[in-house]
Amino acid sequence: MDGQVINISLPTKLLKLADQVAQKEARTRSELFREAIRSYVLRMVQWDDVFAYGDKKVKQLKVKEQDIERLVSAYRTKSKQ
């Protein structure tokens, strides 16, 4: 694997928990941290996509901030029917 070594500081309790999880999953500490970072970064990218979609729709529909609660409430009421 092409990689770069980094140094990080963690609270002792968090490191112990991470080591327990790594041992339970038969992974190295590095594998666990790589997966955790990958998962976090991918989730952030997905949230960025969600917000970008929302911004696009707000502009298309010309929704005002004061209308959002009413629109969400109306949608929820309609979807329960």
PDB file of N, CA and C in Angstrom:
ATOM      1  N   MET A   1       0.838  -1.176   0.000  1.00  0.00           N
ATOM      2  CA  MET A   1       0.000   0.000   0.000  1.00  0.00           C
ATOM      3  C   MET A   1       0.882   1.238   0.000  1.00  0.00           C
ATOM      4  N   ASP A   2       0.505   2.168  -0.866  1.00  0.00           N
ATOM      5  CA  ASP A   2       1.196   3.447  -0.882  1.00  0.00           C
ATOM      6  C   ASP A   2       0.654   4.273   0.263  1.00  0.00           C
ATOM      7  N   GLY A   3       1.498   4.734   1.136  1.00  0.00           N
ATOM      8  CA  GLY A   3       1.000   5.480   2.288  1.00  0.00           C
ATOM      9  C   GLY A   3       2.047   6.386   2.866  1.00  0.00           C
ATOM     10  N   GLN A   4       1.616   7.091   3.865  1.00  0.00           N
ATOM     11  CA  GLN A   4       2.487   8.025   4.558  1.00  0.00           C
ATOM     12  C   GLN A   4       2.264   7.844   6.047  1.00  0.00           C
ATOM     13  N   VAL A   5       3.326   7.806   6.802  1.00  0.00           N
ATOM     14  CA  VAL A   5       3.247   7.660   8.248  1.00  0.00           C
ATOM     15  C   VAL A   5       2.950   9.027   8.852  1.00  0.00           C
ATOM     16  N   ILE A   6       1.976   9.029   9.811  1.00  0.00           N
ATOM     17  CA  ILE A   6       1.632  10.270  10.509  1.00  0.00           C
ATOM     18  C   ILE A   6       1.656  10.004  12.007  1.00  0.00           C
ATOM     19  N   ASN A   7       1.757  11.050  12.771  1.00  0.00           N
ATOM     20  CA  ASN A   7       1.667  10.955  14.224  1.00  0.00           C
ATOM     21  C   ASN A   7       0.428  11.711  14.672  1.00  0.00           C
ATOM     22  N   ILE A   8      -0.351  11.093  15.556  1.00  0.00           N
ATOM     23  CA  ILE A   8      -1.517  11.765  16.120  1.00  0.00           C
ATOM     24  C   ILE A   8      -1.536  11.541  17.624  1.00  0.00           C
ATOM     25  N   SER A   9      -2.213  12.424  18.319  1.00  0.00           N
ATOM     26  CA  SER A   9      -2.405  12.279  19.759  1.00  0.00           C
ATOM     27  C   SER A   9      -3.857  11.927  20.014  1.00  0.00           C
ATOM     28  N   LEU A  10      -4.079  10.988  20.912  1.00  0.00           N
ATOM     29  CA  LEU A  10      -5.426  10.596  21.314  1.00  0.00           C
ATOM     30  C   LEU A  10      -5.483  10.506  22.821  1.00  0.00           C
ATOM     31  N   PRO A  11      -6.643  10.792  23.393  1.00  0.00           N
ATOM     32  CA  PRO A  11      -6.798  10.550  24.820  1.00  0.00           C
ATOM     33  C   PRO A  11      -6.585   9.059  25.103  1.00  0.00           C
ATOM     34  N   THR A  12      -5.977   8.754  26.222  1.00  0.00           N
ATOM     35  CA  THR A  12      -5.644   7.371  26.566  1.00  0.00           C
ATOM     36  C   THR A  12      -6.862   6.454  26.521  1.00  0.00           C
ATOM     37  N   LYS A  13      -7.986   6.914  27.065  1.00  0.00           N
ATOM     38  CA  LYS A  13      -9.190   6.082  27.083  1.00  0.00           C
ATOM     39  C   LYS A  13      -9.676   5.765  25.671  1.00  0.00           C
ATOM     40  N   LEU A  14      -9.614   6.746  24.779  1.00  0.00           N
ATOM     41  CA  LEU A  14     -10.049   6.526  23.402  1.00  0.00           C
ATOM     42  C   LEU A  14      -9.129   5.536  22.700  1.00  0.00           C
ATOM     43  N   LEU A  15      -7.834   5.651  22.924  1.00  0.00           N
ATOM     44  CA  LEU A  15      -6.889   4.725  22.322  1.00  0.00           C
ATOM     45  C   LEU A  15      -7.124   3.305  22.818  1.00  0.00           C
ATOM     46  N   LYS A  16      -7.393   3.151  24.112  1.00  0.00           N
ATOM     47  CA  LYS A  16      -7.672   1.815  24.662  1.00  0.00           C
ATOM     48  C   LYS A  16      -8.926   1.227  24.026  1.00  0.00           C
ATOM     49  N   LEU A  17      -9.968   2.056  23.865  1.00  0.00           N
ATOM     50  CA  LEU A  17     -11.190   1.577  23.205  1.00  0.00           C
ATOM     51  C   LEU A  17     -10.915   1.177  21.763  1.00  0.00           C
ATOM     52  N   ALA A  18     -10.148   1.999  21.060  1.00  0.00           N
ATOM     53  CA  ALA A  18      -9.804   1.688  19.674  1.00  0.00           C
ATOM     54  C   ALA A  18      -9.030   0.377  19.588  1.00  0.00           C
ATOM     55  N   ASP A  19      -8.092   0.176  20.496  1.00  0.00           N
ATOM     56  CA  ASP A  19      -7.322  -1.072  20.506  1.00  0.00           C
ATOM     57  C   ASP A  19      -8.218  -2.276  20.784  1.00  0.00           C
ATOM     58  N   GLN A  20      -9.198  -2.108  21.669  1.00  0.00           N
ATOM     59  CA  GLN A  20     -10.133  -3.202  21.957  1.00  0.00           C
ATOM     60  C   GLN A  20     -10.952  -3.558  20.715  1.00  0.00           C
ATOM     61  N   VAL A  21     -11.433  -2.536  20.020  1.00  0.00           N
ATOM     62  CA  VAL A  21     -12.209  -2.778  18.800  1.00  0.00           C
ATOM     63  C   VAL A  21     -11.327  -3.445  17.745  1.00  0.00           C
ATOM     64  N   ALA A  22     -10.127  -2.950  17.571  1.00  0.00           N
ATOM     65  CA  ALA A  22      -9.211  -3.539  16.582  1.00  0.00           C
ATOM     66  C   ALA A  22      -8.943  -5.001  16.901  1.00  0.00           C
ATOM     67  N   GLN A  23      -8.710  -5.304  18.160  1.00  0.00           N
ATOM     68  CA  GLN A  23      -8.449  -6.688  18.553  1.00  0.00           C
ATOM     69  C   GLN A  23      -9.688  -7.559  18.302  1.00  0.00           C
ATOM     70  N   LYS A  24     -10.855  -7.050  18.680  1.00  0.00           N
ATOM     71  CA  LYS A  24     -12.106  -7.787  18.487  1.00  0.00           C
ATOM     72  C   LYS A  24     -12.347  -8.092  17.013  1.00  0.00           C
ATOM     73  N   GLU A  25     -11.978  -7.156  16.144  1.00  0.00           N
ATOM     74  CA  GLU A  25     -12.196  -7.315  14.706  1.00  0.00           C
ATOM     75  C   GLU A  25     -10.988  -7.908  13.989  1.00  0.00           C
ATOM     76  N   ALA A  26      -9.982  -8.304  14.738  1.00  0.00           N
ATOM     77  CA  ALA A  26      -8.755  -8.892  14.186  1.00  0.00           C
ATOM     78  C   ALA A  26      -8.116  -7.952  13.154  1.00  0.00           C
ATOM     79  N   ARG A  27      -8.026  -6.679  13.513  1.00  0.00           N
ATOM     80  CA  ARG A  27      -7.405  -5.667  12.664  1.00  0.00           C
ATOM     81  C   ARG A  27      -6.221  -5.068  13.390  1.00  0.00           C
ATOM     82  N   THR A  28      -5.383  -4.418  12.637  1.00  0.00           N
ATOM     83  CA  THR A  28      -4.342  -3.619  13.276  1.00  0.00           C
ATOM     84  C   THR A  28      -4.945  -2.269  13.637  1.00  0.00           C
ATOM     85  N   ARG A  29      -4.284  -1.579  14.506  1.00  0.00           N
ATOM     86  CA  ARG A  29      -4.706  -0.226  14.880  1.00  0.00           C
ATOM     87  C   ARG A  29      -4.765   0.652  13.632  1.00  0.00           C
ATOM     88  N   SER A  30      -3.769   0.540  12.771  1.00  0.00           N
ATOM     89  CA  SER A  30      -3.734   1.346  11.550  1.00  0.00           C
ATOM     90  C   SER A  30      -4.929   1.049  10.647  1.00  0.00           C
ATOM     91  N   GLU A  31      -5.266  -0.226  10.498  1.00  0.00           N
ATOM     92  CA  GLU A  31      -6.429  -0.592   9.674  1.00  0.00           C
ATOM     93  C   GLU A  31      -7.709   0.017  10.238  1.00  0.00           C
ATOM     94  N   LEU A  32      -7.856  -0.052  11.548  1.00  0.00           N
ATOM     95  CA  LEU A  32      -9.037   0.515  12.190  1.00  0.00           C
ATOM     96  C   LEU A  32      -9.111   2.027  11.963  1.00  0.00           C
ATOM     97  N   PHE A  33      -7.997   2.724  12.145  1.00  0.00           N
ATOM     98  CA  PHE A  33      -7.989   4.175  11.959  1.00  0.00           C
ATOM     99  C   PHE A  33      -8.236   4.550  10.499  1.00  0.00           C
ATOM    100  N   ARG A  34      -7.648   3.788   9.571  1.00  0.00           N
ATOM    101  CA  ARG A  34      -7.898   4.064   8.152  1.00  0.00           C
ATOM    102  C   ARG A  34      -9.381   3.933   7.831  1.00  0.00           C
ATOM    103  N   GLU A  35     -10.005   2.860   8.324  1.00  0.00           N
ATOM    104  CA  GLU A  35     -11.431   2.645   8.068  1.00  0.00           C
ATOM    105  C   GLU A  35     -12.277   3.729   8.718  1.00  0.00           C
ATOM    106  N   ALA A  36     -11.936   4.129   9.926  1.00  0.00           N
ATOM    107  CA  ALA A  36     -12.693   5.180  10.619  1.00  0.00           C
ATOM    108  C   ALA A  36     -12.596   6.501   9.855  1.00  0.00           C
ATOM    109  N   ILE A  37     -11.417   6.847   9.401  1.00  0.00           N
ATOM    110  CA  ILE A  37     -11.232   8.090   8.663  1.00  0.00           C
ATOM    111  C   ILE A  37     -11.947   8.012   7.314  1.00  0.00           C
ATOM    112  N   ARG A  38     -11.819   6.876   6.631  1.00  0.00           N
ATOM    113  CA  ARG A  38     -12.506   6.687   5.347  1.00  0.00           C
ATOM    114  C   ARG A  38     -14.009   6.853   5.527  1.00  0.00           C
ATOM    115  N   SER A  39     -14.558   6.223   6.537  1.00  0.00           N
ATOM    116  CA  SER A  39     -15.992   6.304   6.805  1.00  0.00           C
ATOM    117  C   SER A  39     -16.412   7.743   7.103  1.00  0.00           C
ATOM    118  N   TYR A  40     -15.657   8.425   7.914  1.00  0.00           N
ATOM    119  CA  TYR A  40     -15.968   9.811   8.268  1.00  0.00           C
ATOM    120  C   TYR A  40     -15.928  10.706   7.032  1.00  0.00           C
ATOM    121  N   VAL A  41     -14.869  10.585   6.257  1.00  0.00           N
ATOM    122  CA  VAL A  41     -14.706  11.437   5.078  1.00  0.00           C
ATOM    123  C   VAL A  41     -15.818  11.169   4.068  1.00  0.00           C
ATOM    124  N   LEU A  42     -16.142   9.907   3.820  1.00  0.00           N
ATOM    125  CA  LEU A  42     -17.223   9.587   2.883  1.00  0.00           C
ATOM    126  C   LEU A  42     -18.559  10.123   3.378  1.00  0.00           C
ATOM    127  N   ARG A  43     -18.808  10.016   4.678  1.00  0.00           N
ATOM    128  CA  ARG A  43     -20.061  10.547   5.235  1.00  0.00           C
ATOM    129  C   ARG A  43     -20.123  12.058   5.056  1.00  0.00           C
ATOM    130  N   MET A  44     -19.018  12.744   5.263  1.00  0.00           N
ATOM    131  CA  MET A  44     -19.002  14.197   5.088  1.00  0.00           C
ATOM    132  C   MET A  44     -19.253  14.577   3.629  1.00  0.00           C
ATOM    133  N   VAL A  45     -18.686  13.822   2.705  1.00  0.00           N
ATOM    134  CA  VAL A  45     -18.919  14.069   1.280  1.00  0.00           C
ATOM    135  C   VAL A  45     -20.399  13.869   0.958  1.00  0.00           C
ATOM    136  N   GLN A  46     -21.001  12.821   1.526  1.00  0.00           N
ATOM    137  CA  GLN A  46     -22.424  12.576   1.289  1.00  0.00           C
ATOM    138  C   GLN A  46     -23.274  13.715   1.843  1.00  0.00           C
ATOM    139  N   TRP A  47     -22.942  14.202   3.038  1.00  0.00           N
ATOM    140  CA  TRP A  47     -23.685  15.326   3.610  1.00  0.00           C
ATOM    141  C   TRP A  47     -23.514  16.576   2.759  1.00  0.00           C
ATOM    142  N   ASP A  48     -22.302  16.795   2.253  1.00  0.00           N
ATOM    143  CA  ASP A  48     -22.078  17.932   1.361  1.00  0.00           C
ATOM    144  C   ASP A  48     -22.973  17.830   0.134  1.00  0.00           C
ATOM    145  N   ASP A  49     -23.116  16.613  -0.408  1.00  0.00           N
ATOM    146  CA  ASP A  49     -23.985  16.393  -1.557  1.00  0.00           C
ATOM    147  C   ASP A  49     -25.445  16.677  -1.215  1.00  0.00           C
ATOM    148  N   VAL A  50     -25.876  16.252  -0.025  1.00  0.00           N
ATOM    149  CA  VAL A  50     -27.254  16.496   0.416  1.00  0.00           C
ATOM    150  C   VAL A  50     -27.514  18.000   0.518  1.00  0.00           C
ATOM    151  N   PHE A  51     -26.603  18.723   1.150  1.00  0.00           N
ATOM    152  CA  PHE A  51     -26.790  20.165   1.298  1.00  0.00           C
ATOM    153  C   PHE A  51     -26.734  20.883  -0.050  1.00  0.00           C
ATOM    154  N   ALA A  52     -25.861  20.430  -0.940  1.00  0.00           N
ATOM    155  CA  ALA A  52     -25.790  21.038  -2.275  1.00  0.00           C
ATOM    156  C   ALA A  52     -27.098  20.808  -3.021  1.00  0.00           C
ATOM    157  N   TYR A  53     -27.661  19.603  -2.912  1.00  0.00           N
ATOM    158  CA  TYR A  53     -28.950  19.301  -3.538  1.00  0.00           C
ATOM    159  C   TYR A  53     -30.038  20.197  -2.952  1.00  0.00           C
ATOM    160  N   GLY A  54     -30.056  20.331  -1.628  1.00  0.00           N
ATOM    161  CA  GLY A  54     -31.035  21.189  -0.969  1.00  0.00           C
ATOM    162  C   GLY A  54     -30.914  22.632  -1.422  1.00  0.00           C
ATOM    163  N   ASP A  55     -29.693  23.136  -1.484  1.00  0.00           N
ATOM    164  CA  ASP A  55     -29.477  24.511  -1.944  1.00  0.00           C
ATOM    165  C   ASP A  55     -29.983  24.697  -3.375  1.00  0.00           C
ATOM    166  N   LYS A  56     -29.712  23.703  -4.213  1.00  0.00           N
ATOM    167  CA  LYS A  56     -30.149  23.768  -5.613  1.00  0.00           C
ATOM    168  C   LYS A  56     -31.676  23.816  -5.691  1.00  0.00           C
ATOM    169  N   LYS A  57     -32.341  22.941  -4.921  1.00  0.00           N
ATOM    170  CA  LYS A  57     -33.801  22.887  -4.937  1.00  0.00           C
ATOM    171  C   LYS A  57     -34.417  24.169  -4.378  1.00  0.00           C
ATOM    172  N   VAL A  58     -33.826  24.711  -3.324  1.00  0.00           N
ATOM    173  CA  VAL A  58     -34.324  25.962  -2.732  1.00  0.00           C
ATOM    174  C   VAL A  58     -34.284  27.073  -3.779  1.00  0.00           C
ATOM    175  N   LYS A  59     -33.201  27.136  -4.536  1.00  0.00           N
ATOM    176  CA  LYS A  59     -33.085  28.173  -5.566  1.00  0.00           C
ATOM    177  C   LYS A  59     -34.075  27.931  -6.700  1.00  0.00           C
ATOM    178  N   GLN A  60     -34.218  26.665  -7.109  1.00  0.00           N
ATOM    179  CA  GLN A  60     -35.163  26.339  -8.184  1.00  0.00           C
ATOM    180  C   GLN A  60     -36.595  26.679  -7.790  1.00  0.00           C
ATOM    181  N   LEU A  61     -36.957  26.338  -6.563  1.00  0.00           N
ATOM    182  CA  LEU A  61     -38.331  26.528  -6.105  1.00  0.00           C
ATOM    183  C   LEU A  61     -38.565  27.906  -5.479  1.00  0.00           C
ATOM    184  N   LYS A  62     -37.487  28.666  -5.338  1.00  0.00           N
ATOM    185  CA  LYS A  62     -37.563  30.007  -4.742  1.00  0.00           C
ATOM    186  C   LYS A  62     -38.206  29.983  -3.355  1.00  0.00           C
ATOM    187  N   VAL A  63     -37.758  29.019  -2.551  1.00  0.00           N
ATOM    188  CA  VAL A  63     -38.266  28.868  -1.189  1.00  0.00           C
ATOM    189  C   VAL A  63     -37.561  29.869  -0.290  1.00  0.00           C
ATOM    190  N   LYS A  64     -38.323  30.502   0.564  1.00  0.00           N
ATOM    191  CA  LYS A  64     -37.771  31.438   1.541  1.00  0.00           C
ATOM    192  C   LYS A  64     -37.592  30.701   2.871  1.00  0.00           C
ATOM    193  N   GLU A  65     -36.622  31.142   3.649  1.00  0.00           N
ATOM    194  CA  GLU A  65     -36.329  30.482   4.930  1.00  0.00           C
ATOM    195  C   GLU A  65     -37.566  30.402   5.820  1.00  0.00           C
ATOM    196  N   GLN A  66     -38.367  31.447   5.848  1.00  0.00           N
ATOM    197  CA  GLN A  66     -39.557  31.465   6.710  1.00  0.00           C
ATOM    198  C   GLN A  66     -40.622  30.464   6.253  1.00  0.00           C
ATOM    199  N   ASP A  67     -40.501  29.937   5.027  1.00  0.00           N
ATOM    200  CA  ASP A  67     -41.478  28.973   4.509  1.00  0.00           C
ATOM    201  C   ASP A  67     -41.127  27.522   4.842  1.00  0.00           C
ATOM    202  N   ILE A  68     -39.920  27.273   5.264  1.00  0.00           N
ATOM    203  CA  ILE A  68     -39.433  25.895   5.399  1.00  0.00           C
ATOM    204  C   ILE A  68     -40.242  25.085   6.402  1.00  0.00           C
ATOM    205  N   GLU A  69     -40.476  25.618   7.596  1.00  0.00           N
ATOM    206  CA  GLU A  69     -41.240  24.867   8.605  1.00  0.00           C
ATOM    207  C   GLU A  69     -42.617  24.499   8.097  1.00  0.00           C
ATOM    208  N   ARG A  70     -43.283  25.434   7.465  1.00  0.00           N
ATOM    209  CA  ARG A  70     -44.630  25.182   6.945  1.00  0.00           C
ATOM    210  C   ARG A  70     -44.592  24.110   5.852  1.00  0.00           C
ATOM    211  N   LEU A  71     -43.620  24.177   4.964  1.00  0.00           N
ATOM    212  CA  LEU A  71     -43.514  23.201   3.879  1.00  0.00           C
ATOM    213  C   LEU A  71     -43.201  21.799   4.406  1.00  0.00           C
ATOM    214  N   VAL A  72     -42.306  21.720   5.376  1.00  0.00           N
ATOM    215  CA  VAL A  72     -41.960  20.422   5.964  1.00  0.00           C
ATOM    216  C   VAL A  72     -43.175  19.837   6.669  1.00  0.00           C
ATOM    217  N   SER A  73     -43.873  20.645   7.428  1.00  0.00           N
ATOM    218  CA  SER A  73     -45.067  20.190   8.135  1.00  0.00           C
ATOM    219  C   SER A  73     -46.127  19.703   7.152  1.00  0.00           C
ATOM    220  N   ALA A  74     -46.342  20.448   6.084  1.00  0.00           N
ATOM    221  CA  ALA A  74     -47.328  20.046   5.071  1.00  0.00           C
ATOM    222  C   ALA A  74     -46.925  18.736   4.412  1.00  0.00           C
ATOM    223  N   TYR A  75     -45.642  18.577   4.108  1.00  0.00           N
ATOM    224  CA  TYR A  75     -45.152  17.342   3.490  1.00  0.00           C
ATOM    225  C   TYR A  75     -45.361  16.155   4.418  1.00  0.00           C
ATOM    226  N   ARG A  76     -45.024  16.329   5.700  1.00  0.00           N
ATOM    227  CA  ARG A  76     -45.182  15.245   6.670  1.00  0.00           C
ATOM    228  C   ARG A  76     -46.647  14.859   6.823  1.00  0.00           C
ATOM    229  N   THR A  77     -47.520  15.834   6.857  1.00  0.00           N
ATOM    230  CA  THR A  77     -48.968  15.568   6.971  1.00  0.00           C
ATOM    231  C   THR A  77     -49.456  14.798   5.743  1.00  0.00           C
ATOM    232  N   LYS A  78     -49.029  15.231   4.577  1.00  0.00           N
ATOM    233  CA  LYS A  78     -49.438  14.592   3.325  1.00  0.00           C
ATOM    234  C   LYS A  78     -48.920  13.153   3.240  1.00  0.00           C
ATOM    235  N   SER A  79     -47.671  12.923   3.667  1.00  0.00           N
ATOM    236  CA  SER A  79     -47.078  11.583   3.549  1.00  0.00           C
ATOM    237  C   SER A  79     -47.686  10.591   4.540  1.00  0.00           C
ATOM    238  N   LYS A  80     -48.348  11.068   5.593  1.00  0.00           N
ATOM    239  CA  LYS A  80     -49.002  10.183   6.564  1.00  0.00           C
ATOM    240  C   LYS A  80     -50.344   9.677   6.038  1.00  0.00           C
ATOM    241  N   GLN A  81     -50.896  10.366   5.052  1.00  0.00           N
ATOM    242  CA  GLN A  81     -52.213  10.007   4.537  1.00  0.00           C
ATOM    243  C   GLN A  81     -52.175   8.801   3.660  1.00  0.00           C
TER     244      GLN A  81
END
